[in-house]
Protein backbone atom coordinates (compact mmCIF):
# COMPACT_ATOMS: atom_id res chain seq x y z
CA MET A 1 16.76 4.37 -2.41
CA ILE A 2 14.79 7.49 -1.47
CA PHE A 3 13.71 8.01 -5.08
CA MET A 4 12.56 4.38 -5.29
CA ASP A 5 10.62 4.77 -2.05
CA MET A 6 8.88 7.84 -3.44
CA MET A 7 7.98 5.98 -6.62
CA LEU A 8 6.60 3.02 -4.66
CA GLU A 9 4.67 5.35 -2.37
CA GLU A 10 3.04 7.08 -5.34
CA GLU A 11 2.23 3.77 -7.00
CA LEU A 12 0.69 2.47 -3.78
CA ILE A 13 -1.40 5.62 -3.39
CA ASP A 14 -2.67 5.22 -6.97
CA LEU A 15 -3.43 1.52 -6.49
CA MET A 16 -5.15 1.95 -3.13
CA THR A 17 -7.12 4.98 -4.26
CA PHE A 18 -8.37 3.05 -7.27
CA CYS A 19 -9.39 0.06 -5.13
CA LEU A 20 -11.16 2.23 -2.57
CA GLN A 21 -13.04 4.18 -5.22
CA ASN A 22 -13.82 1.17 -7.45
CA PRO A 23 -14.28 -1.82 -5.11
CA ASP A 24 -16.35 -3.76 -7.64
CA SER A 25 -13.98 -3.29 -10.57
CA PRO A 26 -12.62 -6.43 -12.23
CA GLU A 27 -9.16 -4.79 -11.98
CA THR A 28 -9.24 -4.76 -8.17
CA SER A 29 -7.81 -8.26 -7.76
CA GLU A 30 -4.84 -7.43 -9.98
CA LYS A 31 -4.24 -4.23 -8.02
CA HIS A 32 -4.41 -6.15 -4.72
CA ASP A 33 -1.71 -8.47 -6.05
CA ARG A 34 0.51 -5.52 -6.91
CA ILE A 35 -0.07 -3.94 -3.46
CA THR A 36 1.07 -7.21 -1.88
CA GLU A 37 4.08 -7.41 -4.22
CA ILE A 38 5.17 -3.88 -3.35
CA GLY A 39 4.75 -4.67 0.35
CA SER A 40 7.11 -7.60 -0.10
CA GLU A 41 9.66 -5.37 -1.82
CA ILE A 42 9.43 -2.81 1.00
CA TYR A 43 9.83 -5.52 3.63
CA VAL A 44 12.87 -7.05 1.91
CA ASP A 45 14.52 -3.63 1.58
CA GLY A 46 13.67 -2.17 4.99
CA GLY A 47 11.97 -4.71 7.23
CA VAL A 48 9.02 -4.19 9.52
CA ASP A 49 9.95 -0.57 10.25
CA ALA A 50 9.71 0.31 6.57
CA LEU A 51 6.28 -1.33 6.27
CA GLU A 52 5.07 0.59 9.32
CA ASN A 53 6.41 3.87 7.94
CA PHE A 54 4.77 3.29 4.56
CA SER A 55 1.49 2.33 6.26
CA PHE A 56 1.49 5.55 8.27
CA VAL A 57 2.21 7.75 5.24
CA LEU A 58 -0.29 5.96 3.00
CA LYS A 59 -3.07 6.12 5.56
CA ASN A 60 -2.55 9.83 6.16
CA ARG A 61 -2.30 10.79 2.50
CA ILE A 62 -5.23 8.72 1.32
CA MET A 63 -7.45 9.87 4.19
CA GLN A 64 -6.54 13.45 3.35
CA GLU A 65 -7.01 13.09 -0.41
CA ILE A 66 -10.17 10.99 -0.70
CA GLU A 67 -11.37 10.69 2.90
CA LYS A 68 -11.38 6.89 2.81
CA ASP A 69 -9.49 4.62 5.19
CA PRO A 70 -7.01 2.34 3.39
CA SER A 71 -6.54 0.06 6.43
CA PRO A 72 -8.38 -2.88 4.83
CA LEU A 73 -5.92 -2.74 1.93
CA LEU A 74 -2.94 -2.54 4.26
CA SER A 75 -4.09 -5.88 5.66
CA LEU A 76 -2.88 -7.36 2.35
CA TRP A 77 0.57 -7.07 3.90
CA ASN A 78 -0.35 -9.37 6.79
CA GLY A 79 1.82 -12.45 6.68
CA LEU A 80 4.77 -10.71 5.05
CA THR A 81 6.53 -10.57 8.40
CA SER A 82 6.84 -12.87 11.35
CA LYS A 83 5.12 -10.24 13.54
């Protein structure tokens, strides 16, 4: 499970970094879909706490690496939970 989480985290960082650096790319919509799909997988496996943990890690790493806030992309996960 930990290995899978690390793989999903890295994939999310790659997807979000691409979207933040290339907002007008025709690939952005496809990447948004994958971000949402991964969020669903995380929620099914670990619930709201897992989504919150991933959000915290992603925001910190992306802010540190490219100095852009991924919060707008994290909003793609809105509606995955009842909260």
